[in-house]
Amino acid sequence: MTSGDKIARLNRFFLKQRRFKQFRIPKYQAGISFKPEQSKQGNPHFSPHKFVTVRDVRGCAYHTFHIKYPMYRTFTFLFVAVLLTIGRVSAQSQSPKFIQFNNFSATFEIPAGKSWVIHQIFSNFSAGTLTNADGSKSAIPVRIFIKTLNGDIKTDYAGNRYGPQVYQSNSSSATVAYPIVLPEKTTFSLVIVKGDPGNCSAYDGSGYISFYEVTNQ
């Protein structure tokens, strides 16, 4: 039996069993090759029930699939079951949260058994406009700083002490990098100010936190 006959025979087997419909792509865009198995005497022979490689052209890339026939359904079932389990665990272990706060409510504590993955802290673009000496106008920036972290004071703008900045309306590059991961029982507070360091005051607007609350495993 020639290699062409072997390929034709295996293609007929695939169509009959309908196990490989995902590989049905245009002619000359797919190839099926066989890996010879060694017999006890050391002579290679074709064994379609041992090993097959299907090369699938999708776009410009080749994808090689190695399938052991007798265990095909078992491995497929286990693989799908694992993926579904991972998906359910991922969906159950984290929950998206969104909190609005101001300078009177900006104190937080991570619950026991949870962690927070903070993706963004933000506020308004401007606290108003400022008229410059040349008559032009510029926006008054809004900033958010970490005020305290686990009881340690980080920011006291009245005393010109500034801790990590998590938001600046006119320069996103001047803030700490996100995401920020905080473990269980972490306590922290934020303060929202307007203006620039050395010449700022409390801002009476709101801030917002977008994060995932993750259940610790």
Protein backbone atom coordinates (compact mmCIF):
# COMPACT_ATOMS: atom_id res chain seq x y z
CA MET A 1 0.00 0.00 0.00
CA THR A 2 1.47 3.37 -1.02
CA SER A 3 1.55 6.48 1.16
CA GLY A 4 -1.21 7.99 -0.99
CA ASP A 5 -3.44 4.96 -0.37
CA LYS A 6 -2.77 5.21 3.36
CA ILE A 7 -3.74 8.87 3.41
CA ALA A 8 -6.90 8.24 1.39
CA ARG A 9 -7.82 5.34 3.70
CA LEU A 10 -7.37 7.45 6.81
CA ASN A 11 -9.34 10.35 5.32
CA ARG A 12 -12.24 7.98 4.64
CA PHE A 13 -11.98 6.76 8.24
CA PHE A 14 -12.16 10.37 9.54
CA LEU A 15 -15.25 11.15 7.48
CA LYS A 16 -16.93 7.91 8.53
CA GLN A 17 -16.32 8.47 12.23
CA ARG A 18 -17.00 12.24 12.03
CA ARG A 19 -14.46 12.83 14.73
CA PHE A 20 -12.35 15.38 12.93
CA LYS A 21 -14.84 17.76 11.31
CA GLN A 22 -12.78 20.69 12.56
CA PHE A 23 -9.98 19.72 10.17
CA ARG A 24 -12.12 19.78 7.04
CA ILE A 25 -10.43 22.64 5.20
CA PRO A 26 -9.82 23.33 1.47
CA LYS A 27 -7.79 20.86 -0.59
CA TYR A 28 -4.01 21.35 -0.62
CA GLN A 29 -4.22 23.26 2.66
CA ALA A 30 -4.01 20.23 4.89
CA GLY A 31 -1.66 17.29 5.05
CA ILE A 32 -1.72 14.08 7.04
CA SER A 33 1.56 12.40 7.88
CA PHE A 34 2.28 9.21 9.76
CA LYS A 35 4.94 8.50 12.33
CA PRO A 36 6.14 4.91 11.80
CA GLU A 37 6.22 2.69 14.83
CA GLN A 38 9.10 0.28 15.38
CA SER A 39 8.19 -3.42 15.50
CA LYS A 40 9.85 -5.84 17.84
CA GLN A 41 12.19 -6.80 14.98
CA GLY A 42 13.19 -3.17 14.50
CA ASN A 43 11.36 -2.76 11.16
CA PRO A 44 9.14 0.31 10.75
CA HIS A 45 5.56 -0.38 9.82
CA PHE A 46 2.39 1.68 9.44
CA SER A 47 0.05 1.52 12.39
CA PRO A 48 -2.93 3.89 12.06
CA HIS A 49 -4.12 3.06 15.55
CA LYS A 50 -0.89 4.22 17.18
CA PHE A 51 -0.05 7.76 16.19
CA VAL A 52 -1.15 10.36 13.64
CA THR A 53 -0.20 13.96 13.03
CA VAL A 54 -2.71 16.28 11.35
CA ARG A 55 -1.35 19.54 10.02
CA ASP A 56 -4.01 22.24 9.71
CA VAL A 57 -3.26 25.43 7.82
CA ARG A 58 -5.18 28.37 9.25
CA GLY A 59 -3.96 31.69 7.88
CA CYS A 60 -0.21 31.30 7.52
CA ALA A 61 0.40 29.07 10.51
CA TYR A 62 0.65 25.29 10.79
CA HIS A 63 -0.92 23.58 13.78
CA THR A 64 0.10 20.03 14.56
CA PHE A 65 -2.27 17.81 16.50
CA HIS A 66 -1.10 14.52 17.99
CA ILE A 67 -3.95 12.11 18.65
CA LYS A 68 -3.80 8.60 20.09
CA TYR A 69 -6.81 6.83 18.69
CA PRO A 70 -7.91 4.43 21.42
CA MET A 71 -7.95 7.14 24.11
CA TYR A 72 -9.31 9.96 21.91
CA ARG A 73 -12.73 10.24 23.53
CA THR A 74 -11.36 9.81 27.05
CA PHE A 75 -8.72 12.51 26.63
CA THR A 76 -11.20 14.84 24.92
CA PHE A 77 -13.69 14.44 27.77
CA LEU A 78 -11.04 15.03 30.43
CA PHE A 79 -9.64 18.07 28.61
CA VAL A 80 -13.08 19.69 28.27
CA ALA A 81 -13.92 18.88 31.90
CA VAL A 82 -10.71 20.53 33.11
CA LEU A 83 -11.38 23.66 31.04
CA LEU A 84 -14.93 23.93 32.38
CA THR A 85 -13.72 23.46 35.95
CA ILE A 86 -11.08 26.15 35.56
CA GLY A 87 -13.68 28.48 34.07
CA ARG A 88 -16.11 27.92 36.95
CA VAL A 89 -13.41 28.40 39.58
CA SER A 90 -12.19 31.59 37.90
CA ALA A 91 -15.72 32.95 37.67
CA GLN A 92 -16.49 32.14 41.31
CA SER A 93 -13.19 33.28 42.81
CA GLN A 94 -13.29 36.90 41.67
CA SER A 95 -16.03 39.49 41.58
CA PRO A 96 -15.85 42.92 39.90
CA LYS A 97 -16.47 45.86 42.23
CA PHE A 98 -16.95 49.58 41.77
CA ILE A 99 -16.93 52.06 44.66
CA GLN A 100 -17.63 55.79 44.72
CA PHE A 101 -16.02 57.73 47.57
CA ASN A 102 -15.17 61.23 48.79
CA ASN A 103 -12.86 62.67 51.42
CA PHE A 104 -15.32 61.68 54.17
CA SER A 105 -15.71 58.05 53.09
CA ALA A 106 -12.31 57.16 51.63
CA THR A 107 -11.32 54.58 54.25
CA PHE A 108 -11.22 50.91 53.25
CA GLU A 109 -10.37 47.49 54.69
CA ILE A 110 -9.88 44.31 52.69
CA PRO A 111 -12.16 41.57 54.11
CA ALA A 112 -10.67 38.42 55.63
CA GLY A 113 -10.21 35.68 53.03
CA LYS A 114 -10.23 38.20 50.18
CA SER A 115 -7.75 40.20 48.14
CA TRP A 116 -8.29 43.32 46.07
CA VAL A 117 -6.83 43.77 42.60
CA ILE A 118 -7.30 47.48 41.92
CA HIS A 119 -7.30 48.30 38.22
CA GLN A 120 -8.07 52.00 38.38
CA ILE A 121 -8.66 54.88 40.78
CA PHE A 122 -9.91 58.05 39.15
CA SER A 123 -11.86 61.28 39.56
CA ASN A 124 -12.84 64.33 37.50
CA PHE A 125 -10.65 65.87 34.82
CA SER A 126 -10.59 69.30 36.43
CA ALA A 127 -11.60 71.12 39.61
CA GLY A 128 -12.13 74.34 37.66
CA THR A 129 -10.00 76.75 35.65
CA LEU A 130 -7.24 79.13 36.61
CA THR A 131 -6.51 82.45 34.85
CA ASN A 132 -2.80 82.85 34.19
CA ALA A 133 -0.85 86.13 34.21
CA ASP A 134 -1.02 86.37 30.42
CA GLY A 135 -4.78 86.04 30.45
CA SER A 136 -4.84 82.38 29.32
CA LYS A 137 -6.72 79.76 31.27
CA SER A 138 -5.56 76.35 32.48
CA ALA A 139 -7.34 73.49 34.21
CA ILE A 140 -6.86 72.96 37.93
CA PRO A 141 -5.72 69.34 38.26
CA VAL A 142 -7.33 66.81 40.55
CA ARG A 143 -5.05 64.40 42.42
CA ILE A 144 -5.66 61.37 44.63
CA PHE A 145 -3.03 60.23 47.13
CA ILE A 146 -2.81 57.31 49.52
CA LYS A 147 -3.38 59.02 52.86
CA THR A 148 -2.72 56.08 55.20
CA LEU A 149 -1.65 52.46 54.69
CA ASN A 150 -2.08 50.00 57.56
CA GLY A 151 -2.09 52.91 60.00
CA ASP A 152 1.04 54.54 58.59
CA ILE A 153 0.49 58.15 57.48
CA LYS A 154 1.62 58.65 53.89
CA THR A 155 0.11 61.98 52.88
CA ASP A 156 -0.46 65.19 54.84
CA TYR A 157 -0.85 67.88 52.21
CA ALA A 158 -1.20 70.63 54.87
CA GLY A 159 2.29 69.71 56.03
CA ASN A 160 3.63 69.30 52.46
CA ARG A 161 4.00 65.57 52.89
CA TYR A 162 2.96 63.50 49.89
CA GLY A 163 2.77 59.73 49.60
CA PRO A 164 2.02 57.51 46.59
CA GLN A 165 -0.14 59.27 44.02
CA VAL A 166 -2.76 57.02 42.44
CA TYR A 167 -4.44 59.60 40.18
CA GLN A 168 -3.51 62.87 38.50
CA SER A 169 -5.99 64.30 36.03
CA ASN A 170 -3.42 66.05 33.81
CA SER A 171 -0.72 63.33 33.81
CA SER A 172 -1.46 59.62 34.04
CA SER A 173 2.27 58.83 33.91
CA ALA A 174 2.82 60.56 37.28
CA THR A 175 0.94 57.88 39.22
CA VAL A 176 1.85 54.45 40.58
CA ALA A 177 1.53 51.54 38.16
CA TYR A 178 -1.64 49.44 38.05
CA PRO A 179 -2.87 46.93 39.01
CA ILE A 180 -2.40 47.34 42.75
CA VAL A 181 -2.81 44.08 44.69
CA LEU A 182 -3.76 44.32 48.36
CA PRO A 183 -3.98 41.22 50.61
CA GLU A 184 -6.63 40.48 53.20
CA LYS A 185 -7.03 42.77 56.23
CA THR A 186 -5.06 45.59 54.60
CA THR A 187 -6.39 48.98 55.64
CA PHE A 188 -5.88 52.17 53.65
CA SER A 189 -7.41 55.57 53.08
CA LEU A 190 -7.28 58.05 50.22
CA VAL A 191 -7.39 61.83 49.98
CA ILE A 192 -8.56 63.86 46.99
CA VAL A 193 -6.99 67.29 46.46
CA LYS A 194 -7.02 69.98 43.79
CA GLY A 195 -4.01 71.96 42.63
CA ASP A 196 -0.32 71.19 42.75
CA PRO A 197 1.88 70.04 45.66
CA GLY A 198 2.66 72.98 47.90
CA ASN A 199 -0.44 74.79 46.69
CA CYS A 200 -3.34 72.38 46.98
CA SER A 201 -6.52 72.03 49.00
CA ALA A 202 -9.19 69.41 49.63
CA TYR A 203 -11.41 68.62 46.68
CA ASP A 204 -15.13 68.36 47.37
CA GLY A 205 -15.89 66.03 44.44
CA SER A 206 -15.94 62.25 44.25
CA GLY A 207 -13.44 59.58 43.34
CA TYR A 208 -13.98 56.05 42.07
CA ILE A 209 -12.27 52.67 42.49
CA SER A 210 -12.61 49.85 39.96
CA PHE A 211 -11.29 46.52 41.21
CA TYR A 212 -11.74 42.76 41.52
CA GLU A 213 -12.38 41.19 44.89
CA VAL A 214 -10.67 37.80 44.75
CA THR A 215 -11.44 34.89 47.07
CA ASN A 216 -8.22 33.46 48.50
CA GLN A 217 -7.72 29.75 47.80
